[in-house]
N, C-alpha and C. Protein backbone atom coordinates (compact mmCIF):
# COMPACT_ATOMS: atom_id res chain seq x y z
N MET A 1 -9.86 27.35 7.79
CA MET A 1 -9.09 28.24 7.93
C MET A 1 -9.97 29.48 8.59
N GLN A 2 -11.19 30.53 7.49
CA GLN A 2 -11.35 30.91 7.83
C GLN A 2 -12.78 30.58 9.65
N GLU A 3 -13.07 29.68 9.55
CA GLU A 3 -14.24 29.18 10.64
C GLU A 3 -13.11 29.48 11.95
N GLU A 4 -11.75 28.97 11.62
CA GLU A 4 -10.74 29.20 13.37
C GLU A 4 -10.33 30.72 13.47
N HIS A 5 -10.78 31.38 12.63
CA HIS A 5 -10.47 32.92 12.97
C HIS A 5 -12.05 33.13 13.97
N GLN A 6 -13.03 33.16 13.12
CA GLN A 6 -14.59 33.55 13.51
C GLN A 6 -14.57 32.57 14.90
N ALA A 7 -13.50 31.88 14.45
CA ALA A 7 -14.62 31.33 16.23
C ALA A 7 -14.05 31.81 17.50
N ALA A 8 -12.78 32.78 17.39
CA ALA A 8 -11.86 33.56 17.94
C ALA A 8 -13.47 34.73 18.66
N ALA A 9 -14.13 35.27 17.68
CA ALA A 9 -15.44 36.29 17.96
C ALA A 9 -16.65 35.51 18.94
N ARG A 10 -16.57 34.18 18.84
CA ARG A 10 -17.64 33.38 18.95
C ARG A 10 -17.51 33.08 20.70
N THR A 11 -18.93 32.79 21.79
CA THR A 11 -18.86 31.80 22.82
C THR A 11 -19.25 30.56 22.51
N PHE A 12 -18.81 29.53 22.59
CA PHE A 12 -18.74 28.55 22.76
C PHE A 12 -19.49 27.68 23.98
N TRP A 13 -20.08 26.29 23.88
CA TRP A 13 -20.78 25.99 24.87
C TRP A 13 -20.95 24.52 24.62
N HIS A 14 -19.97 23.36 25.25
CA HIS A 14 -20.53 22.19 25.46
C HIS A 14 -21.35 21.23 26.33
N GLY A 15 -22.36 20.79 26.36
CA GLY A 15 -22.53 19.77 27.71
C GLY A 15 -22.57 18.64 27.75
N GLY A 16 -22.12 18.25 28.78
CA GLY A 16 -21.75 17.10 29.13
C GLY A 16 -21.80 16.41 30.46
N MET A 17 -20.95 15.50 30.85
CA MET A 17 -20.70 15.48 31.88
C MET A 17 -20.39 15.96 33.19
N PRO A 18 -20.26 15.61 34.54
CA PRO A 18 -20.18 16.58 35.57
C PRO A 18 -18.68 16.46 36.05
N GLY A 19 -18.67 17.57 36.62
CA GLY A 19 -17.02 17.69 37.49
C GLY A 19 -15.89 17.97 37.42
N LEU A 20 -15.82 18.81 35.83
CA LEU A 20 -15.01 19.31 34.83
C LEU A 20 -14.21 20.24 34.71
N SER A 21 -12.92 20.81 35.19
CA SER A 21 -12.38 21.55 36.09
C SER A 21 -11.94 22.68 34.65
N PRO A 22 -12.01 24.30 34.84
CA PRO A 22 -11.79 24.84 34.05
C PRO A 22 -9.97 24.73 33.51
N GLY A 23 -9.74 24.65 32.56
CA GLY A 23 -8.36 24.00 31.92
C GLY A 23 -8.67 22.64 31.34
N THR A 24 -9.55 21.88 31.82
CA THR A 24 -9.76 20.72 31.39
C THR A 24 -10.09 20.30 29.97
N ILE A 25 -9.02 19.51 28.92
CA ILE A 25 -9.25 19.39 27.43
C ILE A 25 -9.90 18.40 27.42
N LEU A 26 -10.77 18.34 26.21
CA LEU A 26 -12.28 17.09 26.42
C LEU A 26 -11.01 17.25 25.09
N ILE A 27 -11.87 15.87 25.07
CA ILE A 27 -12.00 15.06 23.94
C ILE A 27 -13.15 14.13 23.41
N PRO A 28 -13.14 13.33 21.96
CA PRO A 28 -14.12 12.74 22.15
C PRO A 28 -14.32 11.38 23.22
N GLY A 29 -15.77 10.68 23.41
CA GLY A 29 -15.83 10.33 24.41
C GLY A 29 -15.26 9.06 23.57
N LYS A 30 -15.39 8.56 22.35
CA LYS A 30 -14.70 7.49 22.36
C LYS A 30 -13.49 7.04 22.69
N LEU A 31 -12.76 8.54 23.21
CA LEU A 31 -11.17 7.95 23.39
C LEU A 31 -10.80 8.52 24.59
N VAL A 32 -12.07 8.53 25.63
CA VAL A 32 -12.14 8.68 27.13
C VAL A 32 -11.98 7.20 27.94
N PRO A 33 -10.77 6.64 28.28
CA PRO A 33 -10.51 4.83 28.53
C PRO A 33 -12.46 4.44 30.14
N GLY A 34 -12.75 4.04 29.87
CA GLY A 34 -13.93 3.89 30.45
C GLY A 34 -15.50 4.78 30.05
N TYR A 35 -15.10 5.53 29.62
CA TYR A 35 -16.20 6.67 28.90
C TYR A 35 -17.56 5.90 28.28
N ALA A 36 -17.09 5.36 27.74
CA ALA A 36 -18.53 3.90 26.98
C ALA A 36 -19.32 3.35 27.43
N GLU A 37 -18.37 2.38 28.63
CA GLU A 37 -19.16 1.89 29.74
C GLU A 37 -19.94 2.56 31.10
N LEU A 38 -19.82 3.47 30.81
CA LEU A 38 -20.82 4.38 31.48
C LEU A 38 -22.44 4.45 30.65
N PHE A 39 -22.07 4.63 29.51
CA PHE A 39 -23.34 4.50 28.48
C PHE A 39 -24.37 3.28 28.12
N ARG A 40 -23.17 2.35 28.93
CA ARG A 40 -23.81 1.01 28.05
C ARG A 40 -25.28 0.70 28.62
N ASN A 41 -26.42 1.27 29.09
CA ASN A 41 -27.66 1.24 29.04
C ASN A 41 -28.35 2.44 28.58
N ALA A 42 -27.49 2.92 27.52
CA ALA A 42 -28.46 4.70 26.71
C ALA A 42 -28.90 4.14 26.12
N PRO A 43 -29.76 4.75 25.28
CA PRO A 43 -30.32 4.37 24.12
C PRO A 43 -29.77 4.65 22.79
N ALA A 44 -29.78 3.24 21.85
CA ALA A 44 -28.90 3.34 20.89
C ALA A 44 -28.96 4.91 20.36
N GLU A 45 -29.36 5.53 19.86
CA GLU A 45 -28.95 7.29 18.94
C GLU A 45 -27.93 7.86 20.39
N ASP A 46 -27.82 7.64 21.40
CA ASP A 46 -26.71 7.91 22.32
C ASP A 46 -25.98 7.41 22.09
N LEU A 47 -25.68 6.01 21.97
CA LEU A 47 -24.89 5.41 21.56
C LEU A 47 -23.51 5.41 20.04
N GLN A 48 -24.87 6.00 19.22
CA GLN A 48 -24.27 5.86 18.15
C GLN A 48 -23.36 7.33 17.91
N ILE A 49 -24.10 8.25 18.46
CA ILE A 49 -23.45 9.70 19.02
C ILE A 49 -21.42 9.17 19.08
N LEU A 50 -21.72 8.54 20.56
CA LEU A 50 -20.40 8.55 21.56
C LEU A 50 -19.67 7.51 20.34
N ALA A 51 -19.98 6.74 19.74
CA ALA A 51 -18.91 6.40 18.35
C ALA A 51 -18.30 6.77 17.48
N GLN A 52 -19.13 8.20 17.54
CA GLN A 52 -18.45 8.66 16.83
C GLN A 52 -17.14 9.28 17.09
N ASN A 53 -15.93 10.08 16.22
CA ASN A 53 -14.85 10.49 16.96
C ASN A 53 -14.78 11.95 16.82
N TRP A 54 -15.75 12.48 17.88
CA TRP A 54 -15.50 13.65 17.38
C TRP A 54 -16.63 14.40 18.67
N LEU A 55 -16.28 15.74 18.59
CA LEU A 55 -16.32 16.16 20.19
C LEU A 55 -17.57 17.43 19.11
N TYR A 56 -18.89 17.22 20.09
CA TYR A 56 -19.59 18.99 19.72
C TYR A 56 -19.55 19.92 20.86
N VAL A 57 -19.56 20.78 20.00
CA VAL A 57 -19.67 22.24 20.16
C VAL A 57 -20.88 23.57 19.75
N THR A 58 -21.56 24.45 20.84
CA THR A 58 -22.64 25.06 20.01
C THR A 58 -22.52 26.52 20.88
N THR A 59 -22.99 27.47 19.84
CA THR A 59 -23.27 28.80 20.23
C THR A 59 -24.11 28.95 20.47
N ASP A 60 -25.05 28.09 20.54
CA ASP A 60 -26.40 27.97 21.36
C ASP A 60 -26.27 27.57 22.99
N ARG A 61 -26.48 28.34 23.59
CA ARG A 61 -26.19 28.12 25.78
C ARG A 61 -27.59 26.97 25.95
N ASP A 62 -29.12 27.05 25.04
CA ASP A 62 -29.97 26.72 25.76
C ASP A 62 -29.40 24.86 25.07
N LEU A 63 -29.31 25.09 24.16
CA LEU A 63 -29.16 23.73 22.86
C LEU A 63 -28.08 22.66 23.90
N ALA A 64 -26.73 23.56 24.75
CA ALA A 64 -26.33 22.83 25.47
C ALA A 64 -26.23 22.02 26.71
N LEU A 65 -27.18 22.54 26.95
CA LEU A 65 -27.56 23.10 28.42
C LEU A 65 -28.59 22.02 27.94
N ASP A 66 -29.44 21.75 27.35
CA ASP A 66 -30.24 20.02 26.84
C ASP A 66 -29.53 19.13 26.92
N TYR A 67 -28.27 19.07 26.00
CA TYR A 67 -27.30 17.79 25.85
C TYR A 67 -26.67 18.15 27.54
N ALA A 68 -25.79 18.82 28.15
CA ALA A 68 -26.03 18.36 29.57
C ALA A 68 -26.94 17.30 30.61
N ALA A 69 -28.57 18.12 30.31
CA ALA A 69 -29.44 17.30 30.95
C ALA A 69 -29.90 16.18 30.45
N GLN A 70 -29.61 16.07 29.26
CA GLN A 70 -29.48 14.34 28.30
C GLN A 70 -27.96 13.46 29.38
N THR A 71 -27.23 14.35 29.20
CA THR A 71 -26.46 13.33 29.90
C THR A 71 -26.51 13.30 31.56
N GLY A 72 -27.27 13.92 32.01
CA GLY A 72 -27.49 14.16 33.54
C GLY A 72 -28.34 12.86 33.70
N SER A 73 -29.37 12.63 32.59
CA SER A 73 -30.30 11.86 33.01
C SER A 73 -29.85 10.03 32.95
N LEU A 74 -28.53 10.43 32.50
CA LEU A 74 -27.86 8.61 31.84
C LEU A 74 -26.80 8.69 33.34
N LEU A 75 -26.10 9.73 33.25
CA LEU A 75 -25.38 9.34 34.38
C LEU A 75 -25.38 9.85 35.64
N GLY A 76 -26.52 10.46 36.20
CA GLY A 76 -26.53 11.16 37.09
C GLY A 76 -26.38 12.68 37.47
N GLY A 77 -25.94 13.30 36.32
CA GLY A 77 -25.13 14.25 36.80
C GLY A 77 -24.71 14.81 34.68
N GLY A 78 -25.32 16.42 34.90
CA GLY A 78 -24.67 17.30 33.50
C GLY A 78 -23.68 18.42 34.12
N GLY A 79 -23.50 18.90 33.50
CA GLY A 79 -22.41 20.31 33.30
C GLY A 79 -22.25 20.76 31.67
N LEU A 80 -22.75 22.57 32.29
CA LEU A 80 -22.39 23.36 31.29
C LEU A 80 -21.61 23.77 30.80
N TYR A 81 -20.55 24.02 30.41
CA TYR A 81 -19.34 24.44 30.65
C TYR A 81 -19.08 25.31 28.82
N ARG A 82 -18.53 27.00 29.38
CA ARG A 82 -17.64 27.08 28.26
C ARG A 82 -16.73 26.80 27.98
N VAL A 83 -16.58 26.81 26.58
CA VAL A 83 -15.26 25.46 25.51
C VAL A 83 -14.73 26.76 24.76
N GLU A 84 -13.26 26.72 24.73
CA GLU A 84 -12.66 27.32 23.74
C GLU A 84 -12.29 25.75 22.49
N PRO A 85 -12.63 25.68 21.61
CA PRO A 85 -12.79 24.74 20.31
C PRO A 85 -11.32 24.76 19.92
N PHE A 86 -10.70 23.69 19.66
CA PHE A 86 -9.20 24.05 19.18
C PHE A 86 -9.43 23.06 17.46
N GLY A 87 -9.15 24.02 16.48
CA GLY A 87 -8.57 23.42 15.11
C GLY A 87 -9.90 23.49 14.42
N GLN A 88 -10.31 23.28 13.40
CA GLN A 88 -11.30 23.33 12.95
C GLN A 88 -12.34 23.12 12.84
N LEU A 89 -13.29 24.28 12.60
CA LEU A 89 -14.45 23.52 13.26
C LEU A 89 -14.95 23.32 11.68
N VAL A 90 -15.92 21.67 12.16
CA VAL A 90 -17.01 21.14 11.08
C VAL A 90 -18.52 21.41 11.37
N PRO A 91 -18.86 21.51 10.20
CA PRO A 91 -20.33 21.82 10.90
C PRO A 91 -20.97 20.67 10.77
N ASP A 92 -21.81 20.49 12.41
CA ASP A 92 -22.86 19.63 12.37
C ASP A 92 -23.51 18.99 11.36
N PRO A 93 -23.93 18.28 10.54
CA PRO A 93 -24.44 17.41 9.70
C PRO A 93 -26.86 17.79 10.44
N ASP A 94 -26.32 17.13 11.74
CA ASP A 94 -27.92 17.69 12.48
C ASP A 94 -28.50 18.39 12.38
N TYR A 95 -27.78 19.36 11.52
CA TYR A 95 -28.32 20.73 11.83
C TYR A 95 -27.45 21.56 10.30
N LYS A 96 -27.54 20.95 9.85
CA LYS A 96 -26.92 21.39 8.24
C LYS A 96 -27.76 22.66 7.92
N HIS A 97 -29.55 22.07 8.05
CA HIS A 97 -30.42 23.64 7.87
C HIS A 97 -29.93 25.30 8.26
N VAL A 98 -29.05 25.18 9.32
CA VAL A 98 -28.49 26.31 10.42
C VAL A 98 -27.42 25.88 10.63
N SER A 99 -27.25 27.60 9.68
CA SER A 99 -25.76 27.87 9.78
C SER A 99 -25.44 28.01 11.38
N GLY A 100 -23.76 27.81 11.19
CA GLY A 100 -23.54 28.40 12.74
C GLY A 100 -24.28 28.19 14.16
N ILE A 101 -24.51 27.09 14.78
CA ILE A 101 -25.46 26.93 15.61
C ILE A 101 -24.54 25.87 16.14
N SER A 102 -24.45 24.43 15.52
CA SER A 102 -23.30 23.57 16.44
C SER A 102 -22.06 22.71 15.12
N TYR A 103 -20.84 22.53 15.97
CA TYR A 103 -20.20 22.15 14.56
C TYR A 103 -19.10 20.60 15.89
N ARG A 104 -18.68 19.99 14.88
CA ARG A 104 -18.27 18.86 15.51
C ARG A 104 -16.12 19.27 15.12
N VAL A 105 -15.36 19.46 16.05
CA VAL A 105 -14.10 19.42 16.43
C VAL A 105 -13.68 18.28 17.33
N LYS A 106 -12.76 17.96 17.32
CA LYS A 106 -11.80 16.83 17.63
C LYS A 106 -10.92 17.77 19.37
N ARG A 107 -10.92 18.94 19.61
CA ARG A 107 -10.71 18.71 21.30
C ARG A 107 -11.23 20.41 21.62
N ALA A 108 -11.58 20.39 22.54
CA ALA A 108 -11.36 21.66 23.00
C ALA A 108 -11.19 21.88 24.54
N LYS A 109 -10.94 23.72 24.85
CA LYS A 109 -10.54 23.21 26.17
C LYS A 109 -12.09 23.77 27.20
N VAL A 110 -12.15 23.50 28.77
CA VAL A 110 -12.90 24.15 29.34
C VAL A 110 -12.60 25.62 29.62
N LEU A 111 -12.81 26.39 29.60
CA LEU A 111 -13.04 27.75 30.26
C LEU A 111 -13.45 28.78 31.47
N GLU A 112 -14.98 27.55 32.06
CA GLU A 112 -15.93 27.83 32.86
C GLU A 112 -16.70 26.71 32.74
N LEU A 113 -17.10 26.95 34.21
CA LEU A 113 -17.86 25.31 35.03
C LEU A 113 -19.56 26.59 34.93
N GLU A 114 -20.11 26.21 33.93
CA GLU A 114 -21.47 27.94 33.88
C GLU A 114 -22.57 27.52 34.59
N GLN A 115 -22.78 25.38 35.02
CA GLN A 115 -23.84 24.96 35.16
C GLN A 115 -23.61 23.45 35.82
N GLU A 116 -23.93 23.13 36.87
CA GLU A 116 -23.90 21.74 37.36
C GLU A 116 -25.55 21.71 37.48
N PHE A 117 -25.52 20.46 37.50
CA PHE A 117 -27.06 20.43 38.46
C PHE A 117 -27.19 18.08 38.40
N ASP A 118 -27.87 18.07 39.07
CA ASP A 118 -28.09 16.42 39.18
C ASP A 118 -29.01 16.26 40.09
N HIS A 119 -29.66 14.88 40.15
CA HIS A 119 -31.23 14.49 40.23
C HIS A 119 -31.53 15.23 41.88
N SER A 120 -30.68 15.89 42.29
CA SER A 120 -30.78 16.57 43.48
C SER A 120 -31.80 17.58 43.21
N ALA A 121 -31.48 18.08 41.86
CA ALA A 121 -31.93 19.57 40.92
C ALA A 121 -32.54 19.42 39.48
N PRO A 122 -33.77 19.01 39.67
CA PRO A 122 -33.82 18.16 38.28
C PRO A 122 -34.13 19.46 37.37
N TYR A 123 -33.91 19.75 36.15
CA TYR A 123 -33.84 20.38 35.27
C TYR A 123 -34.50 20.15 33.99
N SER A 124 -35.47 20.80 33.78
CA SER A 124 -36.24 21.04 32.49
C SER A 124 -35.66 21.16 31.54
N PRO A 125 -35.66 20.30 29.87
CA PRO A 125 -35.05 20.34 29.10
C PRO A 125 -35.39 21.76 28.62
N THR A 126 -34.87 23.16 28.03
CA THR A 126 -35.50 24.18 26.95
C THR A 126 -36.06 23.46 25.73
N GLY A 127 -35.70 22.75 25.01
CA GLY A 127 -36.39 21.79 23.80
C GLY A 127 -35.75 22.74 23.02
N ALA A 128 -34.21 23.33 23.34
CA ALA A 128 -33.49 24.38 21.92
C ALA A 128 -33.53 23.91 20.82
N ALA A 129 -33.30 22.51 20.68
CA ALA A 129 -33.09 21.51 19.74
C ALA A 129 -34.11 21.70 18.56
N LEU A 130 -35.57 21.24 19.33
CA LEU A 130 -36.38 21.66 18.18
C LEU A 130 -36.89 22.58 17.21
N ARG A 131 -35.98 23.69 17.85
CA ARG A 131 -36.03 25.25 17.08
C ARG A 131 -35.16 24.79 15.85
N TYR A 132 -33.78 24.05 16.07
CA TYR A 132 -33.27 24.21 14.53
C TYR A 132 -33.69 22.55 14.07
N THR A 133 -34.33 21.60 14.27
CA THR A 133 -35.05 20.52 13.85
C THR A 133 -35.59 20.37 12.61
N MET A 134 -35.37 19.98 11.24
CA MET A 134 -36.01 20.51 9.89
C MET A 134 -36.10 19.16 9.49
N TRP A 135 -36.82 19.22 8.14
CA TRP A 135 -37.12 18.24 7.45
C TRP A 135 -36.48 18.75 6.09
N ASP A 136 -36.08 17.27 5.81
CA ASP A 136 -35.08 16.82 4.64
C ASP A 136 -35.66 18.19 3.60
N ASP A 137 -36.67 18.70 3.50
CA ASP A 137 -36.73 19.44 2.40
C ASP A 137 -36.92 20.81 2.63
N GLY A 138 -36.09 20.99 4.42
CA GLY A 138 -36.08 22.56 4.52
C GLY A 138 -36.73 23.53 5.33
N THR A 139 -37.72 22.39 5.67
CA THR A 139 -38.97 23.33 6.50
C THR A 139 -38.69 22.92 8.13
N HIS A 140 -39.17 23.04 9.37
CA HIS A 140 -39.20 23.41 10.30
C HIS A 140 -40.29 21.98 10.78
N MET A 141 -39.70 21.43 11.76
CA MET A 141 -40.21 19.88 12.27
C MET A 141 -41.22 20.29 12.92
N TYR A 142 -41.01 21.22 14.02
CA TYR A 142 -41.95 22.05 14.72
C TYR A 142 -41.72 23.41 15.42
N ASP A 143 -42.99 23.96 15.62
CA ASP A 143 -43.48 25.30 15.30
C ASP A 143 -42.80 25.74 16.77
N ASP A 144 -42.76 27.05 17.89
CA ASP A 144 -42.25 27.62 18.55
C ASP A 144 -42.39 27.21 19.62
N MET A 145 -43.65 26.53 19.53
CA MET A 145 -43.80 25.75 21.26
C MET A 145 -43.45 24.52 21.35
N GLY A 146 -42.93 23.85 19.74
CA GLY A 146 -42.42 22.55 20.27
C GLY A 146 -43.35 21.97 19.64
N TYR A 147 -44.84 21.68 18.79
CA TYR A 147 -45.46 21.29 18.56
C TYR A 147 -45.28 20.80 17.54
N PRO A 148 -45.96 19.10 16.71
CA PRO A 148 -44.93 19.10 15.03
C PRO A 148 -45.79 20.12 14.60
N SER A 149 -44.95 19.93 13.29
CA SER A 149 -45.43 20.66 11.73
C SER A 149 -44.81 19.49 10.79
N PRO A 150 -46.18 19.48 9.76
CA PRO A 150 -45.44 18.86 9.02
C PRO A 150 -44.37 19.21 7.27
N ASN A 151 -43.71 18.23 6.64
CA ASN A 151 -43.24 18.93 5.98
C ASN A 151 -43.90 18.89 4.75
N ALA A 152 -43.34 19.45 3.62
CA ALA A 152 -44.17 20.61 2.71
C ALA A 152 -44.79 19.12 2.15
N THR A 153 -44.37 18.35 1.69
CA THR A 153 -45.19 16.84 0.81
C THR A 153 -46.29 16.51 1.35
N GLN A 154 -46.21 16.73 2.74
CA GLN A 154 -47.43 15.77 3.71
C GLN A 154 -48.59 17.51 3.89
N ALA A 155 -48.61 18.75 4.19
CA ALA A 155 -48.80 20.19 4.09
C ALA A 155 -49.09 19.91 2.00
N ALA A 156 -48.46 19.63 1.37
CA ALA A 156 -49.29 20.02 -0.27
C ALA A 156 -50.14 19.18 -0.58
N LEU A 157 -50.69 17.85 0.02
CA LEU A 157 -51.58 16.77 0.58
C LEU A 157 -52.46 16.72 1.79
N GLY A 158 -52.36 17.94 1.96
CA GLY A 158 -53.75 18.26 2.52
C GLY A 158 -53.38 18.32 4.84
N VAL A 159 -52.63 18.27 5.06
CA VAL A 159 -52.64 18.28 6.04
C VAL A 159 -51.97 19.36 7.24
N THR A 160 -52.39 19.44 8.21
CA THR A 160 -51.65 20.99 8.59
C THR A 160 -51.00 20.76 10.25
N PRO A 161 -50.70 21.83 10.64
CA PRO A 161 -50.50 21.51 11.92
C PRO A 161 -51.01 21.48 12.93
N HIS A 162 -52.39 22.20 12.84
CA HIS A 162 -53.22 21.67 13.47
C HIS A 162 -54.07 20.50 14.18
N ASP A 163 -53.93 19.17 12.59
CA ASP A 163 -53.74 17.99 12.64
C ASP A 163 -52.78 17.59 13.32
N LEU A 164 -51.68 17.93 13.74
CA LEU A 164 -50.75 17.39 14.29
C LEU A 164 -50.71 17.63 15.54
N ARG A 165 -51.50 18.47 16.46
CA ARG A 165 -51.38 19.03 17.50
C ARG A 165 -52.12 17.62 18.48
N ALA A 166 -52.37 16.52 17.90
CA ALA A 166 -52.73 15.62 18.89
C ALA A 166 -51.64 14.48 19.12
N LEU A 167 -50.40 15.67 18.50
CA LEU A 167 -49.55 14.87 19.28
C LEU A 167 -48.55 15.34 20.18
N ASP A 168 -47.60 15.04 21.25
CA ASP A 168 -47.04 15.87 22.43
C ASP A 168 -45.74 16.85 21.47
N ARG A 169 -45.77 17.42 22.42
CA ARG A 169 -44.38 18.80 21.97
C ARG A 169 -42.99 17.52 22.10
N GLY A 170 -43.20 17.48 20.10
CA GLY A 170 -41.45 16.96 20.37
C GLY A 170 -41.43 15.77 19.96
N ALA A 171 -42.43 15.22 19.55
CA ALA A 171 -43.07 14.01 19.06
C ALA A 171 -41.53 13.31 17.81
N SER A 172 -41.60 12.04 17.61
CA SER A 172 -40.63 11.68 16.75
C SER A 172 -41.26 12.27 15.65
N HIS A 173 -40.24 11.85 14.67
CA HIS A 173 -40.08 12.43 13.24
C HIS A 173 -41.20 11.18 12.91
N ILE A 174 -41.04 9.55 13.64
CA ILE A 174 -41.39 8.50 13.05
C ILE A 174 -42.84 8.93 13.30
N ALA A 175 -43.05 9.17 14.25
CA ALA A 175 -44.41 9.80 14.95
C ALA A 175 -45.77 10.82 14.35
N ILE A 176 -45.26 11.68 13.34
CA ILE A 176 -45.32 12.80 12.96
C ILE A 176 -45.99 12.42 11.55
N ASN A 177 -44.52 11.05 10.67
CA ASN A 177 -44.55 11.02 9.36
C ASN A 177 -46.19 9.37 10.03
N GLU A 178 -46.08 8.70 10.73
CA GLU A 178 -47.46 7.68 10.36
C GLU A 178 -48.52 8.39 10.61
N LEU A 179 -48.70 9.20 11.33
CA LEU A 179 -50.21 10.83 11.60
C LEU A 179 -50.01 10.29 9.94
N ALA A 180 -49.64 11.53 9.61
CA ALA A 180 -49.00 12.18 8.66
C ALA A 180 -49.78 11.03 7.45
N SER A 181 -49.23 10.40 7.20
CA SER A 181 -49.59 9.60 6.10
C SER A 181 -51.02 8.52 6.44
N GLN A 182 -51.39 8.75 7.61
CA GLN A 182 -52.86 8.22 7.23
C GLN A 182 -53.48 9.26 7.17
N LEU A 183 -53.16 10.47 7.57
CA LEU A 183 -54.15 11.78 7.00
C LEU A 183 -54.07 11.52 5.73
N VAL A 184 -53.16 11.89 4.98
CA VAL A 184 -52.61 12.09 3.56
C VAL A 184 -53.78 10.95 3.09
N SER A 185 -53.62 9.75 3.28
CA SER A 185 -54.57 8.50 2.60
C SER A 185 -56.05 8.54 2.82
N THR A 186 -56.74 9.09 3.76
CA THR A 186 -57.97 9.69 4.29
C THR A 186 -58.27 10.07 3.62
N ARG A 187 -57.50 11.48 3.39
CA ARG A 187 -58.08 13.25 2.56
C ARG A 187 -57.62 13.02 0.66
N ASN A 188 -57.19 11.96 0.84
CA ASN A 188 -56.43 11.86 -0.58
C ASN A 188 -56.47 11.02 -1.37
N PRO A 189 -58.10 10.06 -1.45
CA PRO A 189 -58.19 8.84 -2.06
C PRO A 189 -57.82 8.17 -3.31
N GLY A 190 -57.03 7.65 -2.79
CA GLY A 190 -56.97 6.88 -4.88
C GLY A 190 -55.61 7.55 -4.89
N VAL A 191 -54.78 8.84 -4.12
CA VAL A 191 -53.45 8.86 -4.42
C VAL A 191 -52.52 7.35 -4.34
N THR A 192 -51.47 8.20 -5.46
CA THR A 192 -50.38 7.12 -5.73
C THR A 192 -49.37 6.85 -5.25
N GLN A 193 -48.28 5.59 -4.89
CA GLN A 193 -46.84 6.28 -4.48
C GLN A 193 -46.34 7.48 -5.23
N ALA A 194 -46.60 7.00 -6.53
CA ALA A 194 -45.77 7.99 -7.82
C ALA A 194 -46.02 9.23 -7.83
N GLN A 195 -47.38 9.94 -7.88
CA GLN A 195 -48.11 11.28 -7.02
C GLN A 195 -47.08 11.83 -6.15
N ILE A 196 -47.09 10.81 -4.87
CA ILE A 196 -46.65 11.45 -3.84
C ILE A 196 -45.31 11.78 -4.28
N ASP A 197 -44.28 10.77 -4.66
CA ASP A 197 -42.62 11.05 -5.20
C ASP A 197 -42.91 11.89 -6.26
N LYS A 198 -43.65 12.36 -6.50
CA LYS A 198 -43.77 13.63 -7.58
C LYS A 198 -43.74 14.49 -6.43
N ILE A 199 -44.38 14.43 -5.75
CA ILE A 199 -44.68 16.23 -5.14
C ILE A 199 -43.62 16.24 -4.03
N ARG A 200 -42.99 15.29 -3.63
CA ARG A 200 -41.51 15.60 -2.67
C ARG A 200 -40.20 15.64 -3.62
N ALA A 201 -40.89 15.44 -4.91
CA ALA A 201 -39.01 15.57 -5.66
C ALA A 201 -39.33 17.37 -5.70
N LYS A 202 -40.65 17.63 -6.24
CA LYS A 202 -40.54 18.85 -6.36
C LYS A 202 -40.16 20.03 -4.97
N HIS A 203 -40.67 19.41 -4.03
CA HIS A 203 -40.05 20.10 -3.42
C HIS A 203 -38.52 19.89 -2.62
N ALA A 204 -38.27 19.15 -2.82
CA ALA A 204 -36.61 18.71 -2.44
C ALA A 204 -36.30 19.79 -3.24
N ASN A 205 -36.74 20.20 -4.82
CA ASN A 205 -35.49 20.66 -5.64
C ASN A 205 -35.43 21.59 -4.92
N ARG A 206 -36.36 22.67 -4.24
CA ARG A 206 -36.97 23.76 -3.48
C ARG A 206 -35.92 23.95 -2.27
N ALA A 207 -35.64 22.72 -1.48
CA ALA A 207 -34.31 23.22 -0.31
C ALA A 207 -33.19 23.30 -0.52
C-alpha cells in the first residue's frame, strides 16, 4: 500500500510497441492476443520476459527508452510512454540491488506518448540498464562508460577493470566470467575451487 501512495508522486515510463494512444490500458504481453506471434523470432531472453504475467514500468526515462529501442529492433518501431501504474508496485528482481528504479505491475495507463521511432529514425541505446546491473555480491558489473568490472571474488584474485577492457562495452556476464576465469588461473597457479568458493562466500555475506 505504501508503494501505491508513493507512486502518485513519481513519474513512470514504459518502453514498448509503437502506436499507443493516451488512455490506452497496458497489460502484460502474454495476455494480448497475437502479441507473442510478433516476437516469434526474438532472442530467448526476450521471449522469457514476454512469457511472464507482468508489465514493467520504470522511473528512469533512459531505461524505458532503451527497452523501447529493443522492442523497435524486433517490431520495426518502438514507443516511449509516460504511464500511470495501477495496483501494487512489485520491485523488479532484475534490479534488486537498486531500489525504486524498476517495477512489475499488472496494468498501467498511457498518459502521454513521449517519443516514437522506427528504422527510418535510428536510435542509439543509452546503455541505461548497465548503470544498474550488479553482480550477485552487490558490486557493479559495469563502470560509468559501460565497460565490464570484475566481481568482488575476481578482484580479490587479481582481476582488474583494466584487464576487462579487452571486452566491448556491455559485454555479457558470460564473456566477463570466461575472461576473468582465464586471468584467475594464470595469476593464481595452484588455486583450488574450494579456495575460490571460500572467497566468494566471504563476499556474498557482505552483499
